Structure formats: structure tokens, C-alpha cells
Amino acid sequence: MSNVLSLAPLFRQSIGFDRFNDLFESALRNGEASSYPPYNVEKHGDDQYRIVIAAAGFQDSDLELQVERGVLTVSGGRRDKGNEGVTYLHQGIAQRSFKLSFRLADHIEVKGAALQNGLLNIDLERIVPEEAKPKRIPINTERPALEN
């Protein structure tokens, strides 16, 4: 057993921001339970992100995506077994239920989702409104006269 503390679970749970306390609490709560199904969080530019979830054996009707209060929740339910007459000699494709949650930063919006070749792709984009963007303040080089 290793005594090294891995911070990797902390950074898997957020997209678009670094809030250490929220990440730390999330990692402690979820622990290893969040390792199924495996997923990637990808950055495709300054403001584009993608979550790719390995959803082998699931159909789009088996999956549900929901955003509530800045948390994206992806859940998958068990399908009804259509092949009752099938006896598995080895069943390595897990089709058990799952629920993954991702805390989204401010101004991160889900742009779409697609299931293709057993991978669920969820596209995210940071859309910052004009009033939230930093503004450059020009410095006036002329000094106003001081009044006595």
C-alpha cells in the first residue's frame, strides 16, 4: 500500500475552474465509486470542453443528462434483458446502473451530447457575458489641475 496522496480525483470532478475545497470534498465523498464508467475530460480550446464517457452496451434511451445548480449529472439505467435465452460464458461488458456528477464553473453551458460507437460525448462551452469580462481602463496621461 502506498502512502502517496494522489490529487488526480480532485481535478477530474470539475470543468472550467479550480476551487480546491469543493474538489477535495467531492473526491472524499465519491472515492472510488466514481470510477465506473471510465471517462475523459478534454479541453478543445480556451472555451471548449468535452466529457467522453465509455457507455458500452447503453443506448441513448438508457442515458439521462441533467444540469441543476451548476452540476451536470449523467446517469445510466439497466436495460431490460432482451435475450432471456442467452447464457453468457463470459460477460465483460458491464451494463450496471451508474451516476456521474460534474460540478461546472460559472458560465459553462452544455452545448450538446451524442452517443457514438459506445462513447457518450458531452460538449461544453464557456460563454462569458460582456459584463463579466475584464475591462481595460485607459490611463489618462494629462493631469488635471489641482484646485486650491
N, C-alpha and C. Protein backbone atom coordinates (compact mmCIF):
# COMPACT_ATOMS: atom_id res chain seq x y z
N MET A 1 0.84 -1.18 0.00
CA MET A 1 0.00 0.00 0.00
C MET A 1 0.88 1.23 0.00
N SER A 2 0.53 2.17 -0.83
CA SER A 2 1.32 3.37 -0.97
C SER A 2 0.78 4.47 -0.06
N ASN A 3 1.68 5.28 0.45
CA ASN A 3 1.30 6.40 1.30
C ASN A 3 1.24 7.71 0.54
N VAL A 4 1.33 7.65 -0.79
CA VAL A 4 1.32 8.84 -1.61
C VAL A 4 -0.12 9.29 -1.83
N LEU A 5 -0.38 10.57 -1.59
CA LEU A 5 -1.71 11.14 -1.80
C LEU A 5 -1.83 11.60 -3.24
N SER A 6 -2.75 11.00 -3.97
CA SER A 6 -2.97 11.38 -5.36
C SER A 6 -4.05 12.45 -5.43
N LEU A 7 -3.74 13.54 -6.10
CA LEU A 7 -4.72 14.62 -6.26
C LEU A 7 -5.51 14.50 -7.56
N ALA A 8 -5.24 13.45 -8.34
CA ALA A 8 -5.93 13.28 -9.63
C ALA A 8 -7.45 13.26 -9.49
N PRO A 9 -8.03 12.58 -8.49
CA PRO A 9 -9.50 12.61 -8.39
C PRO A 9 -10.05 14.01 -8.16
N LEU A 10 -9.26 14.89 -7.60
CA LEU A 10 -9.73 16.25 -7.35
C LEU A 10 -9.95 17.00 -8.65
N PHE A 11 -9.07 16.81 -9.61
CA PHE A 11 -9.13 17.57 -10.83
C PHE A 11 -10.03 16.94 -11.87
N ARG A 12 -10.49 15.70 -11.67
CA ARG A 12 -11.41 15.05 -12.61
C ARG A 12 -12.82 15.55 -12.41
N GLN A 13 -13.14 16.08 -11.26
CA GLN A 13 -14.52 16.39 -10.91
C GLN A 13 -14.97 17.78 -11.31
N SER A 14 -14.10 18.62 -11.85
CA SER A 14 -14.51 19.96 -12.20
C SER A 14 -14.14 20.26 -13.63
N ILE A 15 -14.86 21.19 -14.18
CA ILE A 15 -14.59 21.59 -15.54
C ILE A 15 -14.67 23.10 -15.57
N GLY A 16 -13.56 23.72 -15.92
CA GLY A 16 -13.56 25.16 -16.13
C GLY A 16 -13.16 26.00 -14.94
N PHE A 17 -12.82 25.42 -13.81
CA PHE A 17 -12.38 26.22 -12.68
C PHE A 17 -11.61 25.38 -11.68
N ASP A 18 -10.94 26.06 -10.77
CA ASP A 18 -10.15 25.38 -9.75
C ASP A 18 -10.59 25.87 -8.38
N ARG A 19 -11.50 25.19 -7.77
CA ARG A 19 -11.92 25.51 -6.39
C ARG A 19 -11.52 24.32 -5.53
N PHE A 20 -10.42 24.46 -4.87
CA PHE A 20 -9.80 23.33 -4.19
C PHE A 20 -10.71 22.71 -3.14
N ASN A 21 -11.38 23.51 -2.33
CA ASN A 21 -12.22 22.93 -1.27
C ASN A 21 -13.36 22.09 -1.82
N ASP A 22 -14.05 22.60 -2.85
CA ASP A 22 -15.14 21.83 -3.44
C ASP A 22 -14.63 20.53 -4.04
N LEU A 23 -13.49 20.60 -4.71
CA LEU A 23 -12.93 19.41 -5.33
C LEU A 23 -12.52 18.38 -4.28
N PHE A 24 -11.91 18.86 -3.21
CA PHE A 24 -11.44 17.97 -2.16
C PHE A 24 -12.62 17.25 -1.50
N GLU A 25 -13.66 18.00 -1.19
CA GLU A 25 -14.85 17.39 -0.58
C GLU A 25 -15.51 16.40 -1.53
N SER A 26 -15.56 16.74 -2.80
CA SER A 26 -16.17 15.85 -3.79
C SER A 26 -15.40 14.54 -3.90
N ALA A 27 -14.08 14.64 -3.92
CA ALA A 27 -13.25 13.43 -4.02
C ALA A 27 -13.40 12.57 -2.78
N LEU A 28 -13.49 13.19 -1.62
CA LEU A 28 -13.65 12.41 -0.38
C LEU A 28 -15.02 11.72 -0.34
N ARG A 29 -16.05 12.41 -0.82
CA ARG A 29 -17.39 11.83 -0.82
C ARG A 29 -17.50 10.67 -1.80
N ASN A 30 -16.97 10.86 -3.00
CA ASN A 30 -17.16 9.87 -4.06
C ASN A 30 -16.17 8.73 -4.00
N GLY A 31 -14.94 9.02 -3.63
CA GLY A 31 -13.92 7.98 -3.55
C GLY A 31 -13.81 7.20 -4.83
N GLU A 32 -13.76 5.90 -4.73
CA GLU A 32 -13.63 5.03 -5.90
C GLU A 32 -14.97 4.76 -6.57
N ALA A 33 -16.06 5.19 -5.97
CA ALA A 33 -17.38 4.92 -6.55
C ALA A 33 -17.56 5.62 -7.90
N SER A 34 -16.78 6.66 -8.16
CA SER A 34 -16.96 7.40 -9.40
C SER A 34 -16.09 6.86 -10.53
N SER A 35 -15.49 5.70 -10.38
CA SER A 35 -14.61 5.18 -11.42
C SER A 35 -15.36 4.38 -12.49
N TYR A 36 -16.65 4.12 -12.32
CA TYR A 36 -17.43 3.44 -13.33
C TYR A 36 -18.54 4.36 -13.80
N PRO A 37 -18.73 4.49 -15.05
CA PRO A 37 -17.89 4.03 -16.15
C PRO A 37 -16.69 4.96 -16.32
N PRO A 38 -15.66 4.47 -16.98
CA PRO A 38 -14.50 5.34 -17.19
C PRO A 38 -14.86 6.52 -18.08
N TYR A 39 -14.18 7.65 -17.87
CA TYR A 39 -14.47 8.84 -18.66
C TYR A 39 -13.21 9.69 -18.80
N ASN A 40 -13.23 10.56 -19.78
CA ASN A 40 -12.18 11.54 -20.01
C ASN A 40 -12.80 12.93 -19.95
N VAL A 41 -12.03 13.89 -19.49
CA VAL A 41 -12.41 15.30 -19.59
C VAL A 41 -11.36 15.94 -20.48
N GLU A 42 -11.82 16.49 -21.61
CA GLU A 42 -10.91 17.03 -22.61
C GLU A 42 -11.12 18.53 -22.76
N LYS A 43 -10.04 19.23 -23.08
CA LYS A 43 -10.11 20.66 -23.38
C LYS A 43 -9.78 20.83 -24.85
N HIS A 44 -10.69 21.47 -25.59
CA HIS A 44 -10.54 21.64 -27.04
C HIS A 44 -10.43 23.11 -27.40
N GLY A 45 -9.67 23.87 -26.69
CA GLY A 45 -9.54 25.30 -26.92
C GLY A 45 -9.73 26.03 -25.62
N ASP A 46 -9.68 27.36 -25.71
CA ASP A 46 -9.78 28.16 -24.49
C ASP A 46 -11.14 28.01 -23.81
N ASP A 47 -12.20 27.86 -24.58
CA ASP A 47 -13.54 27.85 -24.01
C ASP A 47 -14.36 26.62 -24.37
N GLN A 48 -13.76 25.60 -24.98
CA GLN A 48 -14.49 24.39 -25.34
C GLN A 48 -13.95 23.19 -24.56
N TYR A 49 -14.89 22.42 -24.01
CA TYR A 49 -14.55 21.23 -23.24
C TYR A 49 -15.42 20.08 -23.74
N ARG A 50 -14.98 18.86 -23.46
CA ARG A 50 -15.77 17.68 -23.81
C ARG A 50 -15.55 16.63 -22.73
N ILE A 51 -16.65 16.04 -22.31
CA ILE A 51 -16.60 14.88 -21.42
C ILE A 51 -16.93 13.67 -22.29
N VAL A 52 -16.08 12.66 -22.26
CA VAL A 52 -16.30 11.44 -23.03
C VAL A 52 -16.46 10.29 -22.04
N ILE A 53 -17.62 9.66 -22.04
CA ILE A 53 -17.93 8.58 -21.10
C ILE A 53 -18.05 7.28 -21.88
N ALA A 54 -17.35 6.25 -21.42
CA ALA A 54 -17.44 4.93 -22.04
C ALA A 54 -18.76 4.30 -21.62
N ALA A 55 -19.71 4.29 -22.54
CA ALA A 55 -21.06 3.78 -22.25
C ALA A 55 -21.34 2.57 -23.11
N ALA A 56 -20.43 1.60 -23.10
CA ALA A 56 -20.59 0.39 -23.91
C ALA A 56 -21.85 -0.36 -23.47
N GLY A 57 -22.63 -0.75 -24.44
CA GLY A 57 -23.83 -1.53 -24.17
C GLY A 57 -25.05 -0.69 -23.86
N PHE A 58 -24.91 0.63 -23.76
CA PHE A 58 -26.05 1.50 -23.48
C PHE A 58 -26.54 2.13 -24.76
N GLN A 59 -27.84 2.37 -24.81
CA GLN A 59 -28.45 3.11 -25.91
C GLN A 59 -28.80 4.49 -25.40
N ASP A 60 -29.09 5.41 -26.31
CA ASP A 60 -29.40 6.77 -25.88
C ASP A 60 -30.62 6.83 -24.97
N SER A 61 -31.55 5.91 -25.14
CA SER A 61 -32.73 5.89 -24.27
C SER A 61 -32.41 5.40 -22.86
N ASP A 62 -31.22 4.78 -22.66
CA ASP A 62 -30.81 4.29 -21.34
C ASP A 62 -30.09 5.36 -20.53
N LEU A 63 -29.75 6.49 -21.18
CA LEU A 63 -28.93 7.52 -20.55
C LEU A 63 -29.75 8.78 -20.31
N GLU A 64 -29.40 9.49 -19.24
CA GLU A 64 -30.08 10.75 -18.93
C GLU A 64 -29.05 11.77 -18.49
N LEU A 65 -29.15 12.97 -19.04
CA LEU A 65 -28.29 14.09 -18.67
C LEU A 65 -29.15 15.18 -18.07
N GLN A 66 -28.65 15.79 -17.00
CA GLN A 66 -29.40 16.84 -16.32
C GLN A 66 -28.42 17.84 -15.73
N VAL A 67 -28.74 19.13 -15.87
CA VAL A 67 -27.94 20.19 -15.26
C VAL A 67 -28.83 20.89 -14.25
N GLU A 68 -28.38 20.95 -13.01
CA GLU A 68 -29.13 21.63 -11.97
C GLU A 68 -28.15 22.31 -11.01
N ARG A 69 -28.31 23.61 -10.85
CA ARG A 69 -27.48 24.40 -9.94
C ARG A 69 -25.99 24.21 -10.19
N GLY A 70 -25.61 24.21 -11.44
CA GLY A 70 -24.20 24.12 -11.78
C GLY A 70 -23.59 22.74 -11.68
N VAL A 71 -24.42 21.71 -11.57
CA VAL A 71 -23.92 20.34 -11.51
C VAL A 71 -24.52 19.54 -12.67
N LEU A 72 -23.64 19.00 -13.50
CA LEU A 72 -24.07 18.13 -14.60
C LEU A 72 -24.10 16.71 -14.06
N THR A 73 -25.25 16.05 -14.18
CA THR A 73 -25.41 14.67 -13.72
C THR A 73 -25.72 13.79 -14.92
N VAL A 74 -24.92 12.75 -15.07
CA VAL A 74 -25.12 11.77 -16.14
C VAL A 74 -25.46 10.45 -15.47
N SER A 75 -26.59 9.87 -15.83
CA SER A 75 -26.97 8.59 -15.23
C SER A 75 -27.38 7.62 -16.33
N GLY A 76 -27.11 6.37 -16.06
CA GLY A 76 -27.46 5.30 -16.98
C GLY A 76 -28.16 4.20 -16.23
N GLY A 77 -29.26 3.72 -16.78
CA GLY A 77 -30.03 2.68 -16.12
C GLY A 77 -29.88 1.36 -16.84
N ARG A 78 -30.19 0.31 -16.14
CA ARG A 78 -30.15 -1.03 -16.73
C ARG A 78 -31.24 -1.18 -17.76
N ARG A 79 -30.86 -1.78 -18.85
CA ARG A 79 -31.86 -2.11 -19.86
C ARG A 79 -32.52 -3.43 -19.50
N ASP A 80 -33.72 -3.59 -19.99
CA ASP A 80 -34.37 -4.89 -19.84
C ASP A 80 -33.59 -5.90 -20.68
N LYS A 81 -33.36 -7.03 -20.12
CA LYS A 81 -32.61 -8.07 -20.85
C LYS A 81 -33.52 -8.64 -21.92
N GLY A 82 -33.17 -8.38 -23.17
CA GLY A 82 -33.99 -8.84 -24.28
C GLY A 82 -33.69 -10.29 -24.67
N ASN A 83 -32.51 -10.78 -24.33
CA ASN A 83 -32.12 -12.13 -24.73
C ASN A 83 -32.17 -13.06 -23.52
N GLU A 84 -33.35 -13.43 -23.13
CA GLU A 84 -33.51 -14.31 -21.97
C GLU A 84 -32.93 -15.70 -22.23
N GLY A 85 -32.89 -16.12 -23.50
CA GLY A 85 -32.41 -17.46 -23.82
C GLY A 85 -30.89 -17.55 -23.94
N VAL A 86 -30.19 -16.42 -23.67
CA VAL A 86 -28.74 -16.39 -23.84
C VAL A 86 -28.07 -16.72 -22.51
N THR A 87 -27.11 -17.64 -22.56
CA THR A 87 -26.28 -17.94 -21.39
C THR A 87 -24.88 -17.40 -21.69
N TYR A 88 -24.41 -16.49 -20.84
CA TYR A 88 -23.10 -15.89 -21.04
C TYR A 88 -22.03 -16.81 -20.48
N LEU A 89 -21.04 -17.14 -21.30
CA LEU A 89 -19.88 -17.87 -20.82
C LEU A 89 -18.89 -16.90 -20.16
N HIS A 90 -18.88 -15.67 -20.65
CA HIS A 90 -18.12 -14.58 -20.03
C HIS A 90 -18.85 -13.29 -20.36
N GLN A 91 -19.14 -12.47 -19.37
CA GLN A 91 -19.82 -11.20 -19.60
C GLN A 91 -18.93 -10.09 -19.07
N GLY A 92 -18.12 -9.52 -19.94
CA GLY A 92 -17.18 -8.47 -19.56
C GLY A 92 -17.70 -7.07 -19.79
N ILE A 93 -18.79 -6.93 -20.52
CA ILE A 93 -19.37 -5.61 -20.76
C ILE A 93 -20.38 -5.34 -19.65
N ALA A 94 -19.98 -4.47 -18.74
CA ALA A 94 -20.85 -4.15 -17.61
C ALA A 94 -21.97 -3.23 -18.08
N GLN A 95 -23.18 -3.56 -17.72
CA GLN A 95 -24.32 -2.72 -18.04
C GLN A 95 -25.06 -2.35 -16.77
N ARG A 96 -24.28 -2.16 -15.72
CA ARG A 96 -24.92 -1.80 -14.45
C ARG A 96 -25.23 -0.31 -14.43
N SER A 97 -26.12 0.05 -13.55
CA SER A 97 -26.52 1.44 -13.42
C SER A 97 -25.35 2.27 -12.91
N PHE A 98 -25.34 3.56 -13.29
CA PHE A 98 -24.30 4.46 -12.82
C PHE A 98 -24.85 5.87 -12.73
N LYS A 99 -24.12 6.69 -11.99
CA LYS A 99 -24.45 8.10 -11.87
C LYS A 99 -23.15 8.86 -11.67
N LEU A 100 -22.84 9.75 -12.59
CA LEU A 100 -21.65 10.59 -12.50
C LEU A 100 -22.10 12.04 -12.37
N SER A 101 -21.41 12.80 -11.53
CA SER A 101 -21.71 14.22 -11.36
C SER A 101 -20.45 15.04 -11.61
N PHE A 102 -20.62 16.15 -12.31
CA PHE A 102 -19.53 17.06 -12.60
C PHE A 102 -19.97 18.46 -12.21
N ARG A 103 -19.21 19.12 -11.36
CA ARG A 103 -19.51 20.50 -10.97
C ARG A 103 -18.98 21.42 -12.06
N LEU A 104 -19.86 22.23 -12.61
CA LEU A 104 -19.48 23.13 -13.69
C LEU A 104 -19.19 24.51 -13.13
N ALA A 105 -18.21 25.17 -13.73
CA ALA A 105 -17.87 26.53 -13.31
C ALA A 105 -18.94 27.50 -13.81
N ASP A 106 -18.86 28.72 -13.35
CA ASP A 106 -19.77 29.76 -13.82
C ASP A 106 -19.61 29.93 -15.32
N HIS A 107 -20.71 30.14 -16.01
CA HIS A 107 -20.75 30.42 -17.44
C HIS A 107 -20.41 29.21 -18.32
N ILE A 108 -20.33 28.01 -17.75
CA ILE A 108 -20.13 26.80 -18.56
C ILE A 108 -21.52 26.26 -18.91
N GLU A 109 -21.75 26.06 -20.20
CA GLU A 109 -23.04 25.57 -20.66
C GLU A 109 -22.86 24.28 -21.44
N VAL A 110 -23.82 23.38 -21.31
CA VAL A 110 -23.82 22.15 -22.10
C VAL A 110 -24.37 22.49 -23.47
N LYS A 111 -23.58 22.25 -24.51
CA LYS A 111 -23.98 22.59 -25.87
C LYS A 111 -24.64 21.42 -26.59
N GLY A 112 -24.37 20.18 -26.16
CA GLY A 112 -24.98 19.04 -26.81
C GLY A 112 -24.35 17.75 -26.35
N ALA A 113 -24.98 16.65 -26.71
CA ALA A 113 -24.48 15.32 -26.35
C ALA A 113 -24.80 14.36 -27.48
N ALA A 114 -23.90 13.40 -27.70
CA ALA A 114 -24.11 12.41 -28.75
C ALA A 114 -23.50 11.08 -28.31
N LEU A 115 -24.20 10.00 -28.61
CA LEU A 115 -23.71 8.66 -28.32
C LEU A 115 -23.27 8.04 -29.64
N GLN A 116 -21.97 7.72 -29.73
CA GLN A 116 -21.43 7.19 -30.97
C GLN A 116 -20.37 6.17 -30.65
N ASN A 117 -20.51 4.98 -31.21
CA ASN A 117 -19.54 3.89 -31.03
C ASN A 117 -19.29 3.56 -29.56
N GLY A 118 -20.33 3.60 -28.76
CA GLY A 118 -20.21 3.25 -27.34
C GLY A 118 -19.62 4.34 -26.48
N LEU A 119 -19.42 5.55 -27.03
CA LEU A 119 -18.89 6.67 -26.27
C LEU A 119 -19.92 7.79 -26.24
N LEU A 120 -20.22 8.28 -25.05
CA LEU A 120 -21.12 9.41 -24.89
C LEU A 120 -20.26 10.67 -24.84
N ASN A 121 -20.42 11.54 -25.83
CA ASN A 121 -19.68 12.79 -25.91
C ASN A 121 -20.59 13.93 -25.47
N ILE A 122 -20.16 14.67 -24.45
CA ILE A 122 -20.92 15.81 -23.96
C ILE A 122 -20.06 17.05 -24.20
N ASP A 123 -20.55 17.95 -25.05
CA ASP A 123 -19.80 19.15 -25.39
C ASP A 123 -20.22 20.31 -24.49
N LEU A 124 -19.22 20.99 -23.97
CA LEU A 124 -19.43 22.12 -23.06
C LEU A 124 -18.71 23.34 -23.61
N GLU A 125 -19.25 24.51 -23.29
CA GLU A 125 -18.61 25.74 -23.73
C GLU A 125 -18.74 26.80 -22.65
N ARG A 126 -17.66 27.56 -22.49
CA ARG A 126 -17.68 28.70 -21.56
C ARG A 126 -18.17 29.91 -22.35
N ILE A 127 -19.30 30.47 -21.93
CA ILE A 127 -19.85 31.65 -22.56
C ILE A 127 -19.93 32.74 -21.49
N VAL A 128 -18.97 33.64 -21.55
CA VAL A 128 -18.88 34.69 -20.53
C VAL A 128 -19.59 35.93 -21.06
N PRO A 129 -20.58 36.43 -20.32
CA PRO A 129 -21.29 37.63 -20.77
C PRO A 129 -20.35 38.85 -20.73
N GLU A 130 -20.67 39.85 -21.53
CA GLU A 130 -19.83 41.05 -21.63
C GLU A 130 -19.59 41.70 -20.27
N GLU A 131 -20.63 41.77 -19.43
CA GLU A 131 -20.46 42.45 -18.14
C GLU A 131 -19.55 41.69 -17.18
N ALA A 132 -19.30 40.41 -17.45
CA ALA A 132 -18.41 39.64 -16.58
C ALA A 132 -16.97 39.59 -17.10
N LYS A 133 -16.77 40.06 -18.33
CA LYS A 133 -15.42 40.04 -18.89
C LYS A 133 -14.59 41.18 -18.30
N PRO A 134 -13.28 40.97 -18.19
CA PRO A 134 -12.43 42.05 -17.67
C PRO A 134 -12.43 43.23 -18.65
N LYS A 135 -12.37 44.42 -18.09
CA LYS A 135 -12.38 45.64 -18.90
C LYS A 135 -11.07 46.38 -18.69
N ARG A 136 -10.52 46.85 -19.77
CA ARG A 136 -9.28 47.63 -19.70
C ARG A 136 -9.66 49.09 -19.48
N ILE A 137 -9.05 49.69 -18.47
CA ILE A 137 -9.31 51.08 -18.13
C ILE A 137 -8.16 51.91 -18.69
N PRO A 138 -8.44 52.83 -19.61
CA PRO A 138 -7.35 53.65 -20.15
C PRO A 138 -6.84 54.63 -19.10
N ILE A 139 -5.56 54.87 -19.15
CA ILE A 139 -4.93 55.81 -18.23
C ILE A 139 -4.74 57.13 -18.97
N ASN A 140 -5.32 58.16 -18.40
CA ASN A 140 -5.21 59.47 -19.00
C ASN A 140 -3.86 60.05 -18.67
N THR A 141 -3.11 60.45 -19.69
CA THR A 141 -1.75 60.97 -19.46
C THR A 141 -1.75 62.43 -19.07
N GLU A 142 -2.83 63.15 -19.33
CA GLU A 142 -2.91 64.55 -18.93
C GLU A 142 -3.36 64.63 -17.48
N ARG A 143 -2.65 65.44 -16.72
CA ARG A 143 -3.01 65.63 -15.32
C ARG A 143 -3.94 66.79 -15.15
N PRO A 144 -5.04 66.58 -14.47
CA PRO A 144 -5.92 67.72 -14.23
C PRO A 144 -5.26 68.69 -13.24
N ALA A 145 -5.59 69.96 -13.39
CA ALA A 145 -5.02 70.97 -12.47
C ALA A 145 -5.62 70.79 -11.09
N LEU A 146 -4.76 70.91 -10.09
CA LEU A 146 -5.20 70.80 -8.70
C LEU A 146 -5.85 72.12 -8.27
N GLU A 147 -6.97 72.01 -7.64
CA GLU A 147 -7.66 73.22 -7.15
C GLU A 147 -7.21 73.49 -5.73
N ASN A 148 -7.05 74.76 -5.44
CA ASN A 148 -6.65 75.17 -4.07
C ASN A 148 -7.83 75.45 -3.23
